[in-house]
N, C-alpha and C. Protein backbone atom coordinates (compact mmCIF):
# COMPACT_ATOMS: atom_id res chain seq x y z
N LEU A 1 -10.15 6.76 46.18
CA LEU A 1 -9.93 7.21 44.82
C LEU A 1 -8.74 8.15 44.71
N ASP A 2 -8.36 8.75 45.81
CA ASP A 2 -7.18 9.61 45.78
C ASP A 2 -5.92 8.79 45.53
N ALA A 3 -5.90 7.57 46.04
CA ALA A 3 -4.72 6.72 45.87
C ALA A 3 -4.64 6.15 44.45
N GLU A 4 -5.78 6.02 43.78
CA GLU A 4 -5.84 5.48 42.42
C GLU A 4 -6.49 6.51 41.49
N PRO A 5 -5.75 7.52 41.03
CA PRO A 5 -6.36 8.59 40.25
C PRO A 5 -6.90 8.15 38.89
N ASP A 6 -6.49 6.97 38.40
CA ASP A 6 -6.98 6.52 37.10
C ASP A 6 -8.36 5.87 37.19
N ILE A 7 -8.87 5.64 38.39
CA ILE A 7 -10.20 5.06 38.57
C ILE A 7 -11.20 6.20 38.74
N ALA A 8 -12.26 6.17 37.94
CA ALA A 8 -13.32 7.18 38.04
C ALA A 8 -14.44 6.64 38.91
N CYS A 9 -15.00 7.49 39.71
CA CYS A 9 -16.07 7.11 40.63
C CYS A 9 -17.31 6.68 39.85
N TRP A 10 -17.97 5.63 40.34
CA TRP A 10 -19.20 5.09 39.78
C TRP A 10 -19.05 4.59 38.35
N THR A 11 -17.88 4.10 37.99
CA THR A 11 -17.67 3.50 36.67
C THR A 11 -16.96 2.17 36.83
N GLY A 12 -17.24 1.25 35.91
CA GLY A 12 -16.54 -0.03 35.89
C GLY A 12 -16.64 -0.80 37.18
N GLU A 13 -15.50 -1.34 37.61
CA GLU A 13 -15.44 -2.15 38.83
C GLU A 13 -15.76 -1.34 40.08
N HIS A 14 -15.49 -0.05 40.04
CA HIS A 14 -15.73 0.80 41.21
C HIS A 14 -17.22 1.01 41.47
N ARG A 15 -18.06 0.84 40.46
CA ARG A 15 -19.50 1.04 40.64
C ARG A 15 -20.06 0.11 41.71
N GLY A 16 -19.70 -1.15 41.66
CA GLY A 16 -20.18 -2.11 42.66
C GLY A 16 -19.66 -1.81 44.05
N MET A 17 -18.38 -1.46 44.13
CA MET A 17 -17.80 -1.14 45.44
C MET A 17 -18.43 0.12 46.02
N ALA A 18 -18.68 1.12 45.19
CA ALA A 18 -19.28 2.36 45.67
C ALA A 18 -20.72 2.12 46.12
N ALA A 19 -21.47 1.30 45.36
CA ALA A 19 -22.85 1.00 45.75
C ALA A 19 -22.87 0.24 47.07
N ALA A 20 -21.97 -0.74 47.23
CA ALA A 20 -21.91 -1.49 48.48
C ALA A 20 -21.54 -0.58 49.65
N ALA A 21 -20.58 0.32 49.44
CA ALA A 21 -20.17 1.25 50.50
C ALA A 21 -21.32 2.16 50.89
N LEU A 22 -22.07 2.63 49.92
CA LEU A 22 -23.19 3.52 50.21
C LEU A 22 -24.29 2.78 50.96
N LEU A 23 -24.59 1.55 50.55
CA LEU A 23 -25.62 0.77 51.25
C LEU A 23 -25.19 0.42 52.67
N LEU A 24 -23.93 0.03 52.85
CA LEU A 24 -23.46 -0.29 54.20
C LEU A 24 -23.40 0.95 55.08
N SER A 25 -23.09 2.09 54.49
CA SER A 25 -23.11 3.34 55.26
C SER A 25 -24.53 3.67 55.71
N LEU A 26 -25.49 3.45 54.83
CA LEU A 26 -26.89 3.69 55.19
C LEU A 26 -27.32 2.73 56.29
N TYR A 27 -26.93 1.46 56.18
CA TYR A 27 -27.23 0.48 57.22
C TYR A 27 -26.62 0.91 58.56
N TYR A 28 -25.37 1.37 58.52
CA TYR A 28 -24.71 1.83 59.74
C TYR A 28 -25.45 2.99 60.37
N LEU A 29 -25.87 3.95 59.55
CA LEU A 29 -26.57 5.11 60.08
C LEU A 29 -27.84 4.70 60.81
N VAL A 30 -28.64 3.86 60.18
CA VAL A 30 -29.91 3.45 60.78
C VAL A 30 -29.67 2.60 62.02
N SER A 31 -28.80 1.60 61.93
CA SER A 31 -28.60 0.71 63.07
C SER A 31 -27.93 1.43 64.24
N ALA A 32 -26.93 2.25 63.97
CA ALA A 32 -26.25 2.96 65.06
C ALA A 32 -27.19 3.96 65.73
N SER A 33 -28.05 4.58 64.94
CA SER A 33 -29.00 5.53 65.53
C SER A 33 -30.01 4.82 66.41
N LEU A 34 -30.48 3.66 65.97
CA LEU A 34 -31.44 2.92 66.78
C LEU A 34 -30.80 2.34 68.03
N ILE A 35 -29.58 1.83 67.91
CA ILE A 35 -28.90 1.27 69.07
C ILE A 35 -28.54 2.36 70.08
N SER A 36 -28.24 3.56 69.59
CA SER A 36 -27.84 4.63 70.51
C SER A 36 -28.95 5.03 71.46
N ILE A 37 -30.19 4.74 71.11
CA ILE A 37 -31.30 5.07 72.00
C ILE A 37 -31.19 4.28 73.31
N PHE A 38 -30.61 3.09 73.25
CA PHE A 38 -30.45 2.30 74.47
C PHE A 38 -29.48 2.92 75.45
N PHE A 39 -28.66 3.84 74.99
CA PHE A 39 -27.72 4.53 75.86
C PHE A 39 -28.23 5.92 76.24
N SER A 40 -29.50 6.12 76.11
CA SER A 40 -30.08 7.43 76.40
C SER A 40 -30.26 7.61 77.91
N GLU A 41 -30.62 8.81 78.26
CA GLU A 41 -30.74 9.17 79.67
C GLU A 41 -32.05 8.66 80.25
N PRO A 42 -32.01 7.79 81.25
CA PRO A 42 -33.24 7.38 81.91
C PRO A 42 -33.76 8.51 82.80
N PRO A 43 -35.04 8.63 82.97
CA PRO A 43 -35.58 9.77 83.73
C PRO A 43 -35.23 9.78 85.21
N ASP A 44 -34.91 8.63 85.82
CA ASP A 44 -34.67 8.60 87.26
C ASP A 44 -33.22 8.32 87.65
N ASP A 45 -32.32 8.19 86.70
CA ASP A 45 -30.94 7.85 87.01
C ASP A 45 -30.05 9.08 86.85
N SER A 46 -29.42 9.51 87.93
CA SER A 46 -28.54 10.68 87.85
C SER A 46 -27.10 10.32 88.25
N THR A 47 -26.80 9.03 88.30
CA THR A 47 -25.47 8.63 88.73
C THR A 47 -24.56 8.25 87.58
N ASP A 48 -25.06 8.26 86.38
CA ASP A 48 -24.27 7.84 85.23
C ASP A 48 -24.30 8.95 84.18
N ILE A 49 -23.31 8.94 83.30
CA ILE A 49 -23.29 9.91 82.21
C ILE A 49 -24.18 9.39 81.09
N ARG A 50 -25.31 10.00 80.91
CA ARG A 50 -26.26 9.61 79.87
C ARG A 50 -26.60 10.84 79.02
N THR A 51 -26.97 10.58 77.79
CA THR A 51 -27.26 11.65 76.85
C THR A 51 -28.68 11.49 76.33
N ILE A 52 -29.36 12.61 76.07
CA ILE A 52 -30.73 12.52 75.57
C ILE A 52 -30.75 11.88 74.19
N PRO A 53 -31.77 11.07 73.89
CA PRO A 53 -31.80 10.30 72.65
C PRO A 53 -31.79 11.16 71.38
N ALA A 54 -32.51 12.25 71.38
CA ALA A 54 -32.58 13.07 70.17
C ALA A 54 -31.21 13.59 69.76
N PHE A 55 -30.41 13.98 70.73
CA PHE A 55 -29.07 14.48 70.40
C PHE A 55 -28.20 13.36 69.83
N LEU A 56 -28.29 12.17 70.40
CA LEU A 56 -27.50 11.05 69.89
C LEU A 56 -27.84 10.74 68.43
N VAL A 57 -29.12 10.75 68.12
CA VAL A 57 -29.55 10.44 66.75
C VAL A 57 -29.10 11.53 65.79
N VAL A 58 -29.31 12.80 66.15
CA VAL A 58 -28.90 13.91 65.28
C VAL A 58 -27.39 13.95 65.13
N ASN A 59 -26.67 13.75 66.22
CA ASN A 59 -25.21 13.74 66.18
C ASN A 59 -24.70 12.66 65.24
N ARG A 60 -25.22 11.46 65.38
CA ARG A 60 -24.79 10.34 64.54
C ARG A 60 -25.10 10.61 63.07
N ALA A 61 -26.30 11.12 62.79
CA ALA A 61 -26.69 11.37 61.40
C ALA A 61 -25.83 12.46 60.76
N LEU A 62 -25.58 13.54 61.49
CA LEU A 62 -24.77 14.63 60.92
C LEU A 62 -23.31 14.21 60.72
N GLU A 63 -22.76 13.47 61.66
CA GLU A 63 -21.38 13.01 61.49
C GLU A 63 -21.28 12.00 60.35
N TRP A 64 -22.30 11.17 60.16
CA TRP A 64 -22.32 10.26 59.03
C TRP A 64 -22.39 11.03 57.72
N LEU A 65 -23.24 12.04 57.67
CA LEU A 65 -23.35 12.86 56.48
C LEU A 65 -22.02 13.53 56.16
N GLN A 66 -21.35 14.03 57.17
CA GLN A 66 -20.04 14.66 56.98
C GLN A 66 -19.03 13.65 56.44
N ALA A 67 -19.06 12.43 56.95
CA ALA A 67 -18.14 11.40 56.48
C ALA A 67 -18.43 11.02 55.03
N VAL A 68 -19.69 10.93 54.66
CA VAL A 68 -20.05 10.61 53.28
C VAL A 68 -19.61 11.72 52.33
N VAL A 69 -19.86 12.96 52.70
CA VAL A 69 -19.44 14.09 51.86
C VAL A 69 -17.92 14.10 51.73
N GLY A 70 -17.22 13.89 52.82
CA GLY A 70 -15.76 13.87 52.78
C GLY A 70 -15.21 12.73 51.95
N THR A 71 -15.92 11.61 51.93
CA THR A 71 -15.46 10.45 51.16
C THR A 71 -15.75 10.60 49.67
N PHE A 72 -16.96 10.96 49.34
CA PHE A 72 -17.37 10.98 47.94
C PHE A 72 -17.01 12.29 47.22
N PHE A 73 -16.69 13.33 47.96
CA PHE A 73 -16.31 14.60 47.34
C PHE A 73 -14.93 15.04 47.78
N SER A 74 -14.03 14.07 47.99
CA SER A 74 -12.70 14.39 48.51
C SER A 74 -11.88 15.23 47.54
N GLU A 75 -12.18 15.13 46.25
CA GLU A 75 -11.42 15.92 45.29
C GLU A 75 -11.81 17.39 45.32
N TYR A 76 -12.95 17.69 45.90
CA TYR A 76 -13.38 19.08 46.07
C TYR A 76 -13.22 19.44 47.54
N GLY A 77 -12.06 19.96 47.91
CA GLY A 77 -11.75 20.24 49.31
C GLY A 77 -12.72 21.20 49.97
N GLY A 78 -13.19 22.18 49.20
CA GLY A 78 -14.11 23.17 49.77
C GLY A 78 -15.43 22.57 50.19
N VAL A 79 -15.90 21.54 49.48
CA VAL A 79 -17.17 20.90 49.83
C VAL A 79 -17.05 20.17 51.16
N ALA A 80 -15.96 19.41 51.32
CA ALA A 80 -15.76 18.67 52.56
C ALA A 80 -15.58 19.62 53.75
N VAL A 81 -14.83 20.69 53.54
CA VAL A 81 -14.61 21.67 54.60
C VAL A 81 -15.92 22.39 54.92
N GLY A 82 -16.69 22.71 53.89
CA GLY A 82 -18.00 23.34 54.11
C GLY A 82 -18.93 22.45 54.91
N ALA A 83 -18.91 21.15 54.61
CA ALA A 83 -19.74 20.21 55.38
C ALA A 83 -19.30 20.18 56.83
N SER A 84 -18.00 20.23 57.06
CA SER A 84 -17.49 20.26 58.43
C SER A 84 -17.93 21.53 59.16
N LEU A 85 -17.91 22.66 58.45
CA LEU A 85 -18.38 23.92 59.04
C LEU A 85 -19.85 23.83 59.45
N VAL A 86 -20.67 23.32 58.55
CA VAL A 86 -22.11 23.24 58.82
C VAL A 86 -22.39 22.27 59.96
N VAL A 87 -21.81 21.08 59.89
CA VAL A 87 -22.07 20.07 60.91
C VAL A 87 -21.59 20.52 62.29
N SER A 88 -20.39 21.07 62.36
CA SER A 88 -19.87 21.48 63.67
C SER A 88 -20.68 22.64 64.25
N SER A 89 -21.13 23.56 63.39
CA SER A 89 -21.93 24.68 63.92
C SER A 89 -23.29 24.20 64.41
N ILE A 90 -23.92 23.27 63.68
CA ILE A 90 -25.21 22.73 64.13
C ILE A 90 -25.05 21.98 65.45
N LEU A 91 -24.02 21.15 65.54
CA LEU A 91 -23.81 20.38 66.77
C LEU A 91 -23.43 21.26 67.95
N ALA A 92 -22.67 22.32 67.70
CA ALA A 92 -22.35 23.26 68.78
C ALA A 92 -23.62 23.95 69.27
N PHE A 93 -24.47 24.39 68.34
CA PHE A 93 -25.72 25.04 68.72
C PHE A 93 -26.61 24.08 69.51
N LEU A 94 -26.76 22.84 69.01
CA LEU A 94 -27.62 21.88 69.70
C LEU A 94 -27.07 21.51 71.07
N THR A 95 -25.76 21.45 71.20
CA THR A 95 -25.16 21.16 72.51
C THR A 95 -25.47 22.28 73.49
N ARG A 96 -25.37 23.52 73.03
CA ARG A 96 -25.65 24.66 73.91
C ARG A 96 -27.15 24.76 74.21
N TYR A 97 -27.99 24.46 73.22
CA TYR A 97 -29.44 24.62 73.38
C TYR A 97 -30.04 23.47 74.20
N TRP A 98 -29.70 22.22 73.85
CA TRP A 98 -30.30 21.05 74.49
C TRP A 98 -29.62 20.66 75.79
N GLN A 99 -28.34 20.99 75.98
CA GLN A 99 -27.57 20.47 77.11
C GLN A 99 -27.79 18.96 77.20
N PRO A 100 -27.30 18.19 76.20
CA PRO A 100 -27.67 16.78 76.06
C PRO A 100 -27.29 15.87 77.22
N THR A 101 -26.23 16.18 77.95
CA THR A 101 -25.88 15.38 79.12
C THR A 101 -26.35 16.17 80.33
N ARG A 102 -27.53 15.84 80.78
CA ARG A 102 -28.23 16.65 81.78
C ARG A 102 -27.53 16.71 83.13
N ASN A 103 -26.92 15.61 83.56
CA ASN A 103 -26.44 15.57 84.94
C ASN A 103 -24.96 15.87 85.09
N VAL A 104 -24.23 16.10 83.98
CA VAL A 104 -22.80 16.40 84.09
C VAL A 104 -22.51 17.63 83.23
N TRP A 105 -22.38 18.77 83.87
CA TRP A 105 -22.17 20.03 83.16
C TRP A 105 -20.89 20.01 82.34
N ALA A 106 -19.83 19.43 82.87
CA ALA A 106 -18.52 19.46 82.20
C ALA A 106 -18.55 18.75 80.85
N VAL A 107 -19.33 17.69 80.71
CA VAL A 107 -19.41 16.98 79.43
C VAL A 107 -20.02 17.89 78.37
N ASN A 108 -21.09 18.58 78.73
CA ASN A 108 -21.69 19.52 77.78
C ASN A 108 -20.73 20.63 77.41
N HIS A 109 -20.02 21.15 78.40
CA HIS A 109 -19.09 22.25 78.16
C HIS A 109 -17.98 21.83 77.21
N TRP A 110 -17.34 20.70 77.47
CA TRP A 110 -16.22 20.27 76.63
C TRP A 110 -16.68 19.80 75.26
N ARG A 111 -17.89 19.26 75.19
CA ARG A 111 -18.44 18.90 73.88
C ARG A 111 -18.64 20.17 73.05
N PHE A 112 -19.19 21.21 73.67
CA PHE A 112 -19.40 22.48 72.97
C PHE A 112 -18.06 23.08 72.53
N VAL A 113 -17.07 23.06 73.43
CA VAL A 113 -15.75 23.61 73.10
C VAL A 113 -15.12 22.83 71.95
N SER A 114 -15.27 21.52 71.94
CA SER A 114 -14.68 20.73 70.86
C SER A 114 -15.36 21.01 69.52
N PHE A 115 -16.69 21.19 69.52
CA PHE A 115 -17.36 21.52 68.27
C PHE A 115 -16.94 22.91 67.78
N CYS A 116 -16.73 23.83 68.71
CA CYS A 116 -16.24 25.16 68.32
C CYS A 116 -14.82 25.08 67.75
N ALA A 117 -13.98 24.23 68.32
CA ALA A 117 -12.62 24.06 67.81
C ALA A 117 -12.64 23.44 66.41
N ILE A 118 -13.53 22.49 66.19
CA ILE A 118 -13.67 21.89 64.85
C ILE A 118 -14.14 22.95 63.87
N PHE A 119 -15.10 23.79 64.28
CA PHE A 119 -15.59 24.86 63.41
C PHE A 119 -14.45 25.82 63.06
N TRP A 120 -13.66 26.21 64.06
CA TRP A 120 -12.56 27.14 63.82
C TRP A 120 -11.52 26.54 62.87
N THR A 121 -11.20 25.28 63.06
CA THR A 121 -10.24 24.60 62.18
C THR A 121 -10.76 24.53 60.75
N ALA A 122 -12.03 24.20 60.60
CA ALA A 122 -12.63 24.13 59.25
C ALA A 122 -12.68 25.51 58.61
N LEU A 123 -12.98 26.53 59.40
CA LEU A 123 -13.02 27.89 58.87
C LEU A 123 -11.63 28.32 58.38
N CYS A 124 -10.60 28.04 59.18
CA CYS A 124 -9.23 28.37 58.76
C CYS A 124 -8.84 27.59 57.50
N SER A 125 -9.26 26.33 57.42
CA SER A 125 -8.98 25.53 56.24
C SER A 125 -9.68 26.09 55.01
N LEU A 126 -10.91 26.53 55.19
CA LEU A 126 -11.65 27.11 54.07
C LEU A 126 -11.00 28.40 53.58
N VAL A 127 -10.58 29.24 54.51
CA VAL A 127 -9.88 30.47 54.13
C VAL A 127 -8.59 30.14 53.39
N ALA A 128 -7.85 29.15 53.87
CA ALA A 128 -6.61 28.74 53.19
C ALA A 128 -6.89 28.23 51.78
N LEU A 129 -7.99 27.47 51.63
CA LEU A 129 -8.35 26.99 50.30
C LEU A 129 -8.74 28.14 49.37
N LEU A 130 -9.46 29.11 49.91
CA LEU A 130 -9.89 30.24 49.09
C LEU A 130 -8.73 31.15 48.70
N LEU A 131 -7.72 31.25 49.57
CA LEU A 131 -6.57 32.11 49.29
C LEU A 131 -5.45 31.39 48.56
N GLU A 132 -5.63 30.09 48.33
CA GLU A 132 -4.59 29.30 47.66
C GLU A 132 -4.39 29.77 46.22
N ASP A 133 -3.14 29.85 45.84
CA ASP A 133 -2.78 30.26 44.47
C ASP A 133 -2.93 29.05 43.56
N PRO A 134 -3.88 29.08 42.60
CA PRO A 134 -4.10 27.91 41.75
C PRO A 134 -2.91 27.62 40.82
N SER A 135 -2.07 28.59 40.57
CA SER A 135 -0.92 28.37 39.69
C SER A 135 0.23 27.68 40.41
N ASN A 136 0.15 27.59 41.73
CA ASN A 136 1.20 26.95 42.53
C ASN A 136 0.80 25.51 42.79
N ASP A 137 1.30 24.58 41.98
CA ASP A 137 0.97 23.16 42.12
C ASP A 137 1.99 22.39 42.94
N ALA A 138 2.93 23.06 43.56
CA ALA A 138 4.01 22.37 44.27
C ALA A 138 3.55 21.79 45.57
């Protein structure tokens, strides 16, 4: 919708496309979450990089939610940035608390660092949005 500013969301021809996108996104969330369980950590295998199922499901759901908020509320920059702040902080906490990749410490460490970097970037973006001069449209 950013590329076509004359089209309003959920009106006219866009209503069908938006409904289809929302339904397919919901299908993706459910199917990807169920399929991700097959890549979970088996109790007796310590030779492969595996992740606990609960983290995979929560990670997929939160990232999907962030993508939906960013897509449907793109005209409100603060909402999308706020969603990024919330999602990255939850995932950083869960990574530190659950240690989702049990047998490889470095994967957990770098996953945590990347979520912290995403949080920091979103925080800086939010501050920039809040300090932006609304009279400066250039």
